[in-house]
Protein backbone atom coordinates (compact mmCIF):
# COMPACT_ATOMS: atom_id res chain seq x y z
CA MET A 1 89.60 -0.85 -3.79
CA PRO A 2 92.58 -0.83 -1.32
CA SER A 3 93.17 2.89 -0.69
CA ALA A 4 96.19 4.64 -0.84
CA ARG A 5 96.18 6.35 2.60
CA GLY A 6 96.91 3.91 5.16
CA PRO A 7 94.52 3.14 8.21
CA GLY A 8 95.07 5.52 10.83
CA PRO A 9 93.62 6.33 14.29
CA SER A 10 89.61 7.12 14.32
CA SER A 11 87.48 9.08 16.90
CA ARG A 12 84.52 6.41 14.78
CA SER A 13 85.88 2.88 15.81
CA ARG A 14 88.27 1.42 18.15
CA ALA A 15 90.73 -1.76 17.41
CA ARG A 16 91.46 -5.06 19.11
CA ARG A 17 94.71 -7.34 18.02
CA LEU A 18 94.66 -10.68 18.60
CA ARG A 19 97.71 -13.48 17.52
CA ALA A 20 96.76 -16.79 17.99
CA ASP A 21 100.34 -17.88 18.57
CA PRO A 22 102.56 -15.12 18.14
CA PRO A 23 104.16 -14.89 14.55
CA PRO A 24 108.01 -13.26 13.89
CA GLU A 25 107.61 -9.72 12.66
CA PRO A 26 105.64 -10.69 9.25
CA GLU A 27 108.15 -9.83 5.87
CA PRO A 28 106.29 -7.41 3.61
CA VAL A 29 103.51 -8.81 0.79
CA PRO A 30 105.20 -8.64 -2.72
CA PRO A 31 102.55 -6.35 -4.69
CA ALA A 32 102.32 -9.42 -6.89
CA ARG A 33 100.83 -11.62 -4.37
CA LEU A 34 98.55 -9.42 -2.96
CA PRO A 35 95.36 -10.39 -2.62
CA PRO A 36 92.61 -9.26 -5.40
CA ARG A 37 90.48 -6.40 -4.69
CA GLY A 38 87.58 -7.21 -2.42
CA SER A 39 88.51 -10.18 -1.38
CA ALA A 40 90.52 -10.05 1.56
CA CYS A 41 88.32 -8.43 3.96
CA LEU A 42 85.08 -10.03 6.10
CA LEU A 43 82.42 -8.06 7.81
CA PHE A 44 80.40 -10.07 9.89
CA PRO A 45 78.17 -9.30 12.74
CA ASN A 46 79.16 -8.11 16.23
CA PRO A 47 79.14 -10.89 18.54
CA VAL A 48 79.25 -8.61 21.41
CA PRO A 49 76.20 -9.00 23.15
CA SER A 50 73.86 -6.06 23.60
CA PRO A 51 73.17 -4.67 26.69
CA ARG A 52 69.30 -4.91 25.90
CA ARG A 53 69.42 -8.35 24.54
CA SER A 54 71.60 -10.20 26.26
CA PRO A 55 72.43 -14.20 24.15
CA ARG A 56 72.40 -17.65 26.17
CA PRO A 57 75.87 -18.74 26.98
CA GLY A 58 77.63 -20.40 24.10
CA PHE A 59 75.00 -19.34 21.07
CA LEU A 60 76.28 -19.06 18.33
CA PRO A 61 74.64 -17.45 15.25
CA ARG A 62 73.46 -20.09 12.81
CA PRO A 63 73.78 -18.89 8.89
CA ARG A 64 70.57 -19.24 6.84
CA ALA A 65 70.09 -22.01 4.62
CA GLY A 66 71.68 -21.83 0.79
CA LEU A 67 74.55 -19.94 2.56
CA PRO A 68 78.12 -21.67 2.97
CA GLY A 69 79.80 -22.38 5.89
CA PRO A 70 83.65 -21.88 6.73
CA ALA A 71 86.31 -24.00 5.19
CA ALA A 72 87.84 -26.46 7.18
CA SER A 73 91.12 -25.51 7.88
CA SER A 74 94.50 -27.52 7.84
CA GLY A 75 96.24 -25.74 10.34
CA PRO A 76 95.29 -25.20 14.28
CA SER A 77 92.68 -22.98 14.25
CA PRO A 78 93.05 -19.59 16.71
CA SER A 79 90.87 -19.71 19.57
CA PRO A 80 88.41 -17.06 19.47
CA PRO A 81 88.98 -13.54 20.90
CA PRO A 82 87.31 -13.14 24.31
CA VAL A 83 84.30 -10.39 23.95
CA PRO A 84 84.48 -8.03 26.79
CA SER A 85 81.08 -7.58 28.46
CA PRO A 86 80.18 -4.11 27.63
CA GLY A 87 80.02 -2.03 31.32
CA PRO A 88 77.24 -0.36 32.42
CA SER A 89 78.34 2.82 31.28
CA PRO A 90 78.79 3.42 27.46
CA VAL A 91 81.92 2.40 25.43
CA PRO A 92 83.64 5.32 24.10
CA ARG A 93 84.07 5.87 20.66
CA PRO A 94 87.50 6.21 19.38
CA GLY A 95 88.78 7.53 15.97
CA PRO A 96 89.91 4.91 12.84
CA LEU A 97 92.85 3.05 14.03
CA PRO A 98 95.63 1.73 11.29
CA GLY A 99 94.79 -1.43 9.12
CA PRO A 100 96.74 -5.31 10.20
CA ARG A 101 100.26 -5.40 9.37
CA GLY A 102 101.56 -6.81 6.12
CA CYS A 103 97.39 -6.70 5.29
CA SER A 104 96.94 -4.47 2.44
CA CYS A 105 93.41 -4.49 1.59
CA ARG A 106 91.06 -2.09 2.92
CA PRO A 107 87.80 -3.18 5.16
CA GLN A 108 85.55 -4.14 3.17
CA ARG A 109 81.90 -4.54 2.92
CA VAL A 110 80.37 -7.50 2.32
CA GLY A 111 77.46 -8.34 -0.11
CA ARG A 112 77.31 -12.05 -0.07
CA LEU A 113 80.11 -14.85 1.36
CA LEU A 114 81.63 -17.50 -0.34
CA ARG A 115 84.35 -19.84 0.45
CA ALA A 116 87.67 -19.04 -1.09
CA GLY A 117 90.35 -21.29 -2.11
CA PRO A 118 94.07 -22.53 -0.94
CA GLY A 119 96.33 -19.80 -1.33
CA ALA A 120 93.65 -17.17 -2.55
CA PHE A 121 95.16 -14.96 -0.18
CA GLY A 122 99.00 -15.22 -1.37
CA GLY A 123 100.05 -18.04 1.24
CA ARG A 124 100.17 -21.27 1.59
CA GLY A 125 96.94 -21.82 4.07
CA ASP A 126 93.31 -22.88 3.71
CA GLY A 127 91.17 -20.17 2.58
CA VAL A 128 89.08 -17.84 4.74
CA LEU A 129 85.81 -16.76 4.18
CA GLY A 130 86.31 -13.41 2.02
CA GLY A 131 83.69 -10.50 0.83
CA VAL A 132 83.20 -10.31 -2.71
CA ARG A 133 81.92 -7.03 -2.88
CA SER A 134 83.91 -3.26 -2.07
CA ARG A 135 82.61 -1.13 0.36
CA GLY A 136 83.20 1.89 -1.45
CA ARG A 137 85.63 4.96 -0.74
CA SER A 138 84.69 5.36 2.73
CA GLY A 139 87.79 3.80 4.62
CA ALA A 140 85.70 3.12 7.15
CA LEU A 141 84.37 0.62 9.18
CA ARG A 142 80.32 -0.38 8.96
CA PRO A 143 78.71 0.48 12.22
CA GLY A 144 78.87 -2.44 14.78
CA SER A 145 81.23 -4.70 12.66
CA ILE A 146 84.11 -6.44 12.50
CA SER A 147 86.83 -6.56 10.02
CA LEU A 148 88.77 -9.81 9.28
CA CYS A 149 91.78 -9.39 7.41
CA ALA A 150 94.59 -12.07 6.34
CA GLY A 151 98.50 -11.68 6.52
CA PRO A 152 100.58 -13.85 4.53
CA GLY A 153 101.81 -17.13 5.24
CA GLY A 154 99.55 -19.99 6.89
CA GLY A 155 99.02 -22.91 9.12
CA SER A 156 100.34 -21.67 12.64
CA GLY A 157 102.32 -18.78 11.46
CA ARG A 158 99.20 -16.64 9.80
CA TRP A 159 97.87 -13.61 12.32
CA VAL A 160 94.29 -12.13 12.01
CA GLU A 161 93.28 -8.87 12.99
CA MET A 162 89.69 -7.63 14.71
CA ARG A 163 88.44 -4.30 14.23
CA GLU A 164 85.20 -3.15 15.86
CA SER A 165 83.36 -0.57 14.65
CA MET A 166 81.60 1.88 16.61
CA ASP A 167 80.49 4.24 14.06
CA LEU A 168 76.42 4.81 14.09
CA GLY A 169 76.75 7.79 11.55
CA GLU A 170 74.39 8.45 8.57
CA ARG A 171 76.55 7.14 6.08
CA GLY A 172 77.01 4.23 7.80
CA ARG A 173 73.17 3.13 7.85
CA ALA A 174 72.66 4.33 4.88
CA GLY A 175 75.02 1.78 2.84
CA ALA A 176 78.20 3.52 1.04
CA ASP A 177 78.54 5.75 -1.73
CA GLY A 178 74.03 5.70 -1.30
CA GLY A 179 74.11 2.00 -2.35
CA PRO A 180 71.41 0.12 -0.88
CA VAL A 181 70.84 -0.19 2.92
CA GLU A 182 72.49 -3.90 3.48
CA PRO A 183 71.04 -6.18 6.63
CA TRP A 184 74.13 -5.51 8.50
CA ALA A 185 74.00 -1.85 8.07
CA ARG A 186 70.49 -1.34 10.75
CA TYR A 187 72.80 -3.48 13.45
CA ASP A 188 73.29 -1.42 16.22
CA PRO A 189 75.09 -2.92 19.29
CA TRP A 190 73.65 -1.19 21.85
CA GLY A 191 70.50 -0.57 20.11
CA THR A 192 67.40 -3.66 19.33
CA ALA A 193 68.33 -6.69 17.92
CA PRO A 194 69.01 -5.72 13.98
CA GLU A 195 67.56 -7.79 11.02
CA SER A 196 70.16 -10.56 10.32
CA PRO A 197 70.73 -13.36 7.83
CA TYR A 198 70.78 -16.17 10.95
CA GLU A 199 68.20 -18.07 12.54
CA GLN A 200 68.05 -17.37 16.37
CA PRO A 201 65.82 -20.50 18.23
CA ALA A 202 63.20 -19.37 20.48
CA GLU A 203 63.21 -19.54 24.13
CA PRO A 204 61.67 -22.48 26.40
CA GLY A 205 58.19 -21.57 26.21
CA THR A 206 57.93 -18.60 23.85
CA ARG A 207 55.73 -20.18 20.92
CA ALA A 208 53.21 -21.10 24.33
CA ARG A 209 53.40 -17.84 25.44
CA ARG A 210 52.73 -16.66 21.82
CA ARG A 211 49.99 -18.99 21.66
CA GLY A 212 48.37 -17.99 24.74
CA VAL A 213 48.40 -14.15 24.17
CA ILE A 214 46.86 -14.83 20.42
CA VAL A 215 44.06 -16.89 22.52
CA ALA A 216 43.68 -13.71 25.12
CA VAL A 217 43.49 -11.02 22.61
CA ALA A 218 41.32 -13.28 20.32
CA LEU A 219 38.71 -13.44 23.40
CA ALA A 220 38.64 -10.14 24.23
CA ALA A 221 38.08 -8.82 20.89
CA LEU A 222 34.81 -11.28 20.36
CA VAL A 223 33.87 -10.22 23.92
CA THR A 224 34.34 -6.73 22.73
CA GLY A 225 32.48 -6.80 19.51
CA THR A 226 29.63 -8.40 20.61
CA LEU A 227 29.70 -5.90 23.23
CA GLY A 228 29.83 -2.81 21.16
CA GLY A 229 26.96 -4.61 18.74
CA TYR A 230 24.59 -4.76 21.79
CA LEU A 231 25.15 -1.28 22.78
CA GLY A 232 24.86 -0.06 18.98
CA ALA A 233 21.55 -1.86 18.55
CA ARG A 234 20.51 -0.39 21.74
CA TYR A 235 21.51 2.63 20.73
CA GLU A 236 20.04 2.65 17.38
CA ARG A 237 16.76 1.31 18.95
CA ASP A 238 16.30 4.15 20.78
CA GLY A 239 16.85 6.58 18.53
CA GLY A 240 20.80 7.43 19.39
CA ALA A 241 21.67 10.25 22.77
CA ARG A 242 18.49 11.06 22.24
CA THR A 243 15.43 10.81 24.60
CA LEU A 244 12.64 8.95 22.92
CA VAL A 245 9.17 10.74 23.22
CA LEU A 246 6.04 9.55 21.92
CA PRO A 247 3.16 11.25 20.39
CA ASP A 248 0.53 11.69 23.15
CA PRO A 249 -2.59 9.96 22.08
CA ALA A 250 -4.94 12.00 19.39
CA ALA A 251 -8.40 12.06 21.27
CA GLY A 252 -10.94 9.85 19.73
CA PRO A 253 -13.92 11.27 18.12
CA GLU A 254 -16.45 12.40 19.73
CA ARG A 255 -20.12 9.85 19.60
CA PRO A 256 -23.37 12.02 19.61
CA ALA A 257 -26.29 10.86 20.94
CA GLY A 258 -27.98 8.73 17.89
CA SER A 259 -24.69 7.45 16.26
CA VAL A 260 -24.36 3.37 16.25
CA ALA A 261 -22.05 3.30 18.91
CA ASP A 262 -24.08 5.25 21.15
CA LEU A 263 -27.10 3.44 20.84
CA ALA A 264 -24.71 0.07 20.98
CA ALA A 265 -23.32 1.41 23.97
CA ARG A 266 -26.99 2.12 25.87
CA SER A 267 -28.35 -1.07 24.66
CA LEU A 268 -25.82 -4.25 24.65
CA PRO A 269 -26.46 -4.50 28.52
CA GLY A 270 -30.11 -5.52 27.65
CA VAL A 271 -29.29 -7.73 25.22
CA VAL A 272 -29.14 -11.45 25.95
CA THR A 273 -27.97 -14.81 23.90
CA LEU A 274 -30.48 -17.90 24.97
CA ARG A 275 -29.53 -21.45 24.02
CA ALA A 276 -31.79 -24.43 24.05
CA SER A 277 -32.06 -27.88 23.83
CA GLY A 278 -34.29 -30.97 24.26
CA ALA A 279 -36.06 -33.54 22.10
CA GLY A 280 -33.45 -34.39 20.24
CA GLU A 281 -32.61 -30.52 18.98
CA ALA A 282 -30.98 -27.43 19.83
CA GLY A 283 -30.88 -23.93 19.01
CA THR A 284 -29.33 -20.66 19.43
CA GLY A 285 -30.68 -17.65 19.48
CA SER A 286 -31.37 -13.40 20.89
CA GLY A 287 -33.59 -11.62 22.77
CA PHE A 288 -33.83 -8.50 25.01
CA VAL A 289 -35.00 -7.58 28.42
CA LEU A 290 -38.80 -6.66 29.06
CA ASP A 291 -38.48 -5.17 32.73
CA GLY A 292 -36.77 -5.56 35.22
CA ARG A 293 -37.84 -8.63 37.23
CA GLY A 294 -36.25 -10.99 34.71
CA HIS A 295 -39.12 -11.33 31.84
CA ILE A 296 -37.28 -11.30 28.34
CA LEU A 297 -38.83 -11.49 24.97
CA THR A 298 -37.61 -13.49 21.60
CA ASN A 299 -38.55 -15.87 19.09
CA ASN A 300 -41.00 -18.65 19.30
CA HIS A 301 -38.34 -21.01 16.93
CA VAL A 302 -35.90 -19.86 19.37
CA VAL A 303 -37.26 -21.44 22.74
CA ALA A 304 -39.16 -24.54 20.88
CA PRO A 305 -37.00 -27.27 21.53
CA ALA A 306 -36.53 -26.53 25.47
CA ALA A 307 -40.74 -26.11 25.44
CA ASP A 308 -41.84 -29.94 26.92
CA GLY A 309 -39.28 -30.47 29.11
CA GLY A 310 -36.16 -29.21 27.88
CA ALA A 311 -33.01 -27.26 28.89
CA LEU A 312 -32.54 -23.06 28.39
CA THR A 313 -30.27 -20.69 29.34
CA VAL A 314 -29.64 -17.08 29.16
CA THR A 315 -26.30 -15.57 29.05
CA PHE A 316 -25.95 -11.67 29.78
CA SER A 317 -23.61 -9.07 27.70
CA GLY A 318 -21.23 -9.21 30.72
CA GLY A 319 -20.76 -13.27 30.48
CA GLN A 320 -23.18 -14.26 33.42
CA THR A 321 -25.62 -17.20 32.26
CA LEU A 322 -28.29 -18.63 34.00
CA ARG A 323 -31.64 -21.39 33.88
CA ALA A 324 -34.51 -19.52 32.27
CA GLU A 325 -38.36 -20.49 32.00
CA VAL A 326 -40.79 -20.19 29.55
CA VAL A 327 -43.32 -18.17 30.37
CA GLY A 328 -45.82 -18.26 27.29
CA ARG A 329 -45.09 -18.88 23.49
CA ASP A 330 -47.12 -18.14 20.12
CA ALA A 331 -45.95 -19.85 16.80
CA GLY A 332 -48.83 -18.08 15.34
CA TYR A 333 -46.86 -14.97 15.96
CA ASP A 334 -42.87 -16.68 16.07
CA LEU A 335 -42.82 -14.55 20.24
CA ALA A 336 -41.86 -16.10 23.59
CA VAL A 337 -41.69 -14.46 26.89
CA VAL A 338 -38.98 -16.31 29.58
CA ARG A 339 -37.64 -15.36 33.21
CA VAL A 340 -34.43 -15.56 34.88
CA ARG A 341 -34.49 -15.79 38.46
CA GLY A 342 -32.00 -14.05 40.73
CA VAL A 343 -30.53 -11.68 38.78
CA LYS A 344 -30.37 -7.72 39.75
CA ASN A 345 -29.89 -4.45 38.05
CA LEU A 346 -31.24 -5.16 34.75
CA THR A 347 -30.92 -3.06 31.66
CA PRO A 348 -34.42 -3.15 29.88
CA LEU A 349 -35.00 -1.95 26.23
CA ALA A 350 -37.51 1.07 25.41
CA LEU A 351 -40.43 0.10 23.29
CA GLY A 352 -40.99 3.14 20.55
CA ASP A 353 -43.86 2.83 18.01
CA SER A 354 -43.83 1.01 14.70
CA GLU A 355 -46.44 2.76 13.16
CA GLY A 356 -44.35 5.97 12.99
CA VAL A 357 -41.22 4.27 11.13
CA GLN A 358 -41.26 5.75 7.83
CA VAL A 359 -38.93 3.39 5.08
CA GLY A 360 -35.16 4.84 4.80
CA ASP A 361 -35.28 5.48 8.58
CA PRO A 362 -31.76 4.20 10.49
CA VAL A 363 -31.86 1.11 12.36
CA VAL A 364 -29.52 -0.99 14.54
CA ALA A 365 -30.01 -4.65 15.06
CA LEU A 366 -28.43 -6.41 18.13
CA GLY A 367 -28.01 -9.97 18.51
CA SER A 368 -25.93 -13.05 18.69
CA PRO A 369 -25.02 -14.28 15.24
CA PHE A 370 -23.32 -17.23 14.79
CA ASP A 371 -23.38 -17.49 18.45
CA LEU A 372 -21.12 -14.70 18.25
CA PRO A 373 -22.60 -12.54 21.72
CA ASN A 374 -22.99 -8.35 21.38
CA THR A 375 -23.05 -7.96 17.77
CA VAL A 376 -24.04 -4.69 16.44
CA THR A 377 -25.09 -4.22 12.51
CA SER A 378 -27.32 -1.61 10.87
CA GLY A 379 -28.74 -0.32 7.96
CA ILE A 380 -32.37 1.04 7.09
CA ILE A 381 -36.14 0.47 6.71
CA SER A 382 -35.97 -1.15 3.19
CA ALA A 383 -40.17 -1.89 3.28
CA LYS A 384 -42.95 -1.70 5.51
CA GLU A 385 -46.06 -4.15 6.17
CA ARG A 386 -44.40 -6.96 4.53
CA PRO A 387 -46.18 -10.28 4.73
CA VAL A 388 -43.82 -12.95 5.55
CA THR A 389 -45.10 -16.38 6.08
CA ALA A 390 -42.15 -18.53 8.27
CA ALA A 391 -42.46 -21.76 9.27
CA GLY A 392 -40.40 -22.68 12.71
CA GLU A 393 -37.84 -25.42 13.26
CA GLY A 394 -38.93 -28.29 14.78
CA GLU A 395 -42.36 -29.54 15.16
CA GLN A 396 -42.76 -27.01 18.26
CA GLY A 397 -41.91 -24.07 15.65
CA GLY A 398 -45.16 -23.99 13.39
CA ILE A 399 -46.20 -20.96 10.62
CA SER A 400 -45.91 -17.74 11.71
CA TYR A 401 -47.98 -14.61 9.41
CA VAL A 402 -46.09 -11.79 9.93
CA ASP A 403 -46.85 -8.29 8.55
CA ALA A 404 -43.17 -7.20 9.00
CA LEU A 405 -40.88 -4.17 8.24
CA GLN A 406 -38.24 -5.32 6.15
CA THR A 407 -34.43 -4.30 6.72
CA ASP A 408 -31.16 -4.31 4.93
CA ALA A 409 -29.12 -4.55 7.96
CA PRO A 410 -27.29 -7.92 8.22
CA LEU A 411 -28.74 -10.32 10.16
CA ASN A 412 -27.56 -14.03 10.18
CA PRO A 413 -28.96 -17.00 11.71
CA GLY A 414 -28.80 -16.28 15.84
CA ASN A 415 -30.25 -12.83 15.64
CA SER A 416 -33.57 -14.60 15.45
CA GLY A 417 -35.42 -12.77 18.88
CA GLY A 418 -32.73 -9.22 19.12
CA PRO A 419 -33.67 -6.02 19.29
CA LEU A 420 -34.12 -3.80 16.02
CA LEU A 421 -33.69 -0.40 17.15
CA ASP A 422 -34.28 3.14 15.74
CA ALA A 423 -32.36 6.17 15.89
CA THR A 424 -33.86 7.19 19.51
CA GLY A 425 -32.66 3.17 20.60
CA HIS A 426 -36.07 2.36 20.61
CA VAL A 427 -37.34 -0.96 19.98
CA ILE A 428 -39.49 -0.81 16.72
CA GLY A 429 -38.72 -4.01 15.82
CA VAL A 430 -38.35 -7.88 16.83
CA ASN A 431 -35.84 -9.91 14.18
CA SER A 432 -37.81 -12.79 12.91
CA ALA A 433 -36.30 -14.21 9.58
CA ILE A 434 -34.18 -13.68 6.67
CA ARG A 435 -34.41 -14.34 3.24
CA SER A 436 -31.59 -15.87 2.01
CA ALA A 437 -30.51 -17.52 -1.06
CA GLY A 438 -32.35 -20.35 -0.93
CA GLY A 439 -35.28 -19.08 -0.21
CA THR A 440 -37.11 -17.95 3.21
CA GLY A 441 -36.55 -18.57 6.62
CA GLU A 442 -33.24 -19.36 9.11
CA GLY A 443 -31.50 -20.97 6.85
CA GLN A 444 -27.56 -21.11 7.36
CA ALA A 445 -26.42 -19.23 4.18
CA GLY A 446 -26.21 -16.34 5.71
CA SER A 447 -27.18 -12.55 5.28
CA VAL A 448 -28.61 -10.87 2.20
CA GLY A 449 -29.80 -8.37 2.79
CA LEU A 450 -32.87 -9.13 3.14
CA GLY A 451 -34.38 -9.35 6.92
CA PHE A 452 -37.41 -9.03 8.58
CA ALA A 453 -38.77 -8.20 12.16
CA ILE A 454 -42.04 -8.19 13.60
CA PRO A 455 -43.58 -4.43 14.34
CA VAL A 456 -42.74 -4.04 17.85
CA ASN A 457 -46.16 -2.93 18.78
CA GLN A 458 -47.50 -6.25 17.38
CA ALA A 459 -44.78 -7.60 20.13
CA ARG A 460 -45.78 -5.59 23.00
CA TRP A 461 -49.71 -6.98 22.29
CA VAL A 462 -48.03 -10.17 22.04
CA ALA A 463 -46.29 -10.17 24.97
CA GLY A 464 -49.00 -8.63 26.83
CA GLU A 465 -51.35 -11.42 26.44
CA LEU A 466 -48.53 -14.34 27.11
CA LEU A 467 -47.80 -12.24 30.63
CA ASP A 468 -51.65 -12.04 31.20
CA HIS A 469 -53.07 -14.87 30.15
CA GLY A 470 -49.91 -17.46 29.19
CA ARG A 471 -51.54 -17.54 25.44
CA VAL A 472 -52.60 -15.24 22.68
CA ALA A 473 -56.58 -14.88 21.10
CA HIS A 474 -56.19 -14.99 17.66
CA PRO A 475 -58.28 -12.36 15.37
CA VAL A 476 -60.52 -14.38 12.97
CA ILE A 477 -62.93 -13.61 10.54
CA GLY A 478 -64.89 -16.45 10.08
CA VAL A 479 -64.20 -18.35 6.69
CA ALA A 480 -62.25 -21.12 5.41
CA LEU A 481 -59.80 -20.06 2.33
CA ASP A 482 -58.98 -22.34 -0.97
CA SER A 483 -55.36 -21.91 -1.20
CA ARG A 484 -55.68 -24.60 -4.15
CA GLU A 485 -56.10 -22.18 -7.18
CA ASP A 486 -54.24 -18.98 -7.00
CA LYS A 487 -56.81 -16.40 -8.01
CA ASP A 488 -54.15 -13.56 -7.94
CA GLY A 489 -56.57 -12.96 -4.26
CA ALA A 490 -57.45 -14.83 -1.31
CA LEU A 491 -60.23 -17.34 -2.52
CA ILE A 492 -63.32 -18.84 0.20
CA GLY A 493 -63.75 -22.26 -0.44
CA SER A 494 -66.81 -23.35 -1.90
CA ASP A 495 -68.18 -25.65 0.55
CA GLU A 496 -71.29 -24.97 2.85
CA ASP A 497 -69.43 -24.83 5.70
CA ALA A 498 -66.47 -22.67 4.30
CA VAL A 499 -68.13 -19.55 6.17
CA THR A 500 -69.20 -19.73 9.70
CA PRO A 501 -72.68 -19.17 10.52
CA GLY A 502 -72.89 -16.12 12.86
CA GLY A 503 -69.26 -15.31 12.39
CA PRO A 504 -67.78 -11.59 11.64
CA ALA A 505 -67.82 -12.48 7.54
CA ASP A 506 -71.20 -13.68 7.44
CA ARG A 507 -72.80 -11.13 9.08
CA ALA A 508 -71.21 -8.96 7.05
CA GLY A 509 -72.39 -11.09 3.33
CA LEU A 510 -69.73 -13.00 2.32
CA ALA A 511 -70.43 -16.28 0.50
CA PRO A 512 -68.76 -18.85 -0.60
CA GLY A 513 -66.40 -18.64 -3.84
CA ASP A 514 -65.89 -14.77 -3.31
CA LEU A 515 -62.46 -13.72 -3.55
CA VAL A 516 -60.96 -11.33 -1.18
CA THR A 517 -58.33 -8.60 -3.22
CA ALA A 518 -57.76 -6.27 -0.42
CA ALA A 519 -57.68 -5.07 3.20
CA ASP A 520 -57.90 -2.34 4.56
CA GLY A 521 -56.75 -1.13 0.95
CA LYS A 522 -53.66 -2.75 0.59
CA PRO A 523 -53.87 -5.35 -1.86
CA VAL A 524 -54.65 -9.02 -0.95
CA THR A 525 -52.22 -11.66 -3.51
CA SER A 526 -52.79 -14.82 -1.61
CA THR A 527 -54.26 -17.09 1.14
CA GLU A 528 -51.15 -16.21 3.21
CA ASP A 529 -51.55 -12.12 2.63
CA LEU A 530 -55.14 -12.46 3.81
CA ILE A 531 -54.23 -13.92 7.12
CA VAL A 532 -50.83 -11.44 7.73
CA ARG A 533 -53.42 -8.72 6.85
CA VAL A 534 -55.59 -9.98 9.61
CA ARG A 535 -53.11 -10.89 12.32
CA ALA A 536 -51.91 -7.47 12.01
CA HIS A 537 -55.05 -6.48 14.01
CA ARG A 538 -56.47 -7.33 17.39
CA PRO A 539 -59.72 -9.17 18.06
CA GLY A 540 -62.29 -6.66 18.29
CA ASP A 541 -60.85 -4.35 15.47
CA ARG A 542 -62.65 -3.37 12.24
CA LEU A 543 -61.24 -4.53 8.90
CA ARG A 544 -62.51 -3.72 5.40
CA LEU A 545 -62.40 -5.82 2.68
CA THR A 546 -62.81 -5.69 -0.98
CA TYR A 547 -63.81 -8.95 -2.40
CA VAL A 548 -65.07 -10.23 -6.22
CA ARG A 549 -68.12 -11.73 -7.05
CA GLU A 550 -69.27 -12.91 -10.47
CA GLY A 551 -66.92 -10.49 -11.83
CA ARG A 552 -68.40 -7.68 -9.70
CA ALA A 553 -65.98 -6.19 -6.73
CA HIS A 554 -67.84 -4.99 -3.08
CA GLU A 555 -66.71 -3.94 0.03
CA VAL A 556 -67.80 -4.92 3.31
CA THR A 557 -66.39 -4.09 7.04
CA LEU A 558 -66.51 -6.32 9.74
CA THR A 559 -65.26 -6.68 13.09
CA LEU A 560 -63.04 -9.37 14.25
CA GLU A 561 -63.33 -11.53 16.45
CA ALA A 562 -61.00 -13.66 18.46
CA GLU A 563 -60.18 -17.34 17.75
CA ASP A 564 -62.06 -20.23 20.28
């Protein structure tokens, strides 16, 4: 709204006057033809370049889309006033100057722009852009703005006045009358570029430079994130900043003498694995060293495939493999002695006494079950003097009769010939047979807890015979037994020659048809039982027999002889 007080000098603004064509002294404008309030003044951005940002030569602001441009004028357009370049030193800020002559309007505050038609200001010329929103009661120009007032007349006789405000006070920044801040209120000709309703074209290469900066920042972020993740993972894995200290290994348990670990450590160097092949047969078994000369004791059925020109090798616990030769073997006792040459520092195993073994004594079995060397199992003695008859493998195996030690230590195919140790590490038996789910013998079914070993006392004697003579003389009583009928004992045949004339049985008074029911006080329930009891002795030993004749029991003692 026009103020009653005319514009006067102000210390917060300075003015320049520009006349396109110097007009004669303007006549006063009648009050009735004064321009409507709020439509005679225009505020727009100061085109004076900022010292901090200089526009390109010839640059003109372009209005934003949707805003009308200036109307065409029928008269000649005044030349734009020269824009002085700001000097190196700040421009002083004078006080407000008086308003233009003949213009009764006050400087207005622009809210939006519109086109004014002809005669809008009481003259005959074309309309100009005018503001439609009053700037309030302050009467001062907005900071960094230019006021354009239109006077009477038109065509070449009109004049304009531009006033540039240098007022940078808080009122101009906050908006007149406490109103909202307009975009132009933040304009500062000596500061950074304000938000403008006009778009300015970007400098050539600006977008390319921006894209380069974005790519560089993205790559830096990627590298930094990757490195940070790696360092964080290392930090977390290593337990943070603390030094990772692992506890010292705990001391192992003590292994007293006689423990399974102690027995295995001391005995395994003397245990070997034997592989025999020949005549279309092959087998694997175990054995142990008898002496430092290279003699090894094993089962007969282990070396039987190599008996007639086959191949036989011995592998020690350390992995050394040597060829071996058969010194002697016996199918009836299922024992054999082989020898290796050219080896030193052997570890012979000590032989114990099988007569002193008691049921329940702990035992350890060593061998190569299923060709797995250095296998150790443990158990107890389950029974003693168990009569076992086992058929060897192949034609060379034969049938063995063993008064065996029974153990529940797991024995499997391949354990045959290996040692059975007592708690002191002495050999008390030679593992020979197992009873599997399918029957008796070295079946492939595996252990069911019923294993049998030849007592070491018998094995020692047989091994000595084989080393000295290459063969073993079996003890006999001089009778032929009839196994066709089950009589709950061993039945002597009914033929006249069933009892060898002059033999041990004939001299003791035994006759054909007698039924032997006990030997040395131990029951005899079958023909095999009597053979086992006899084979448990040596030639020259005395044997007490109990027999039944015509329903009456009799007892005799005889001396065993060697078989021819």
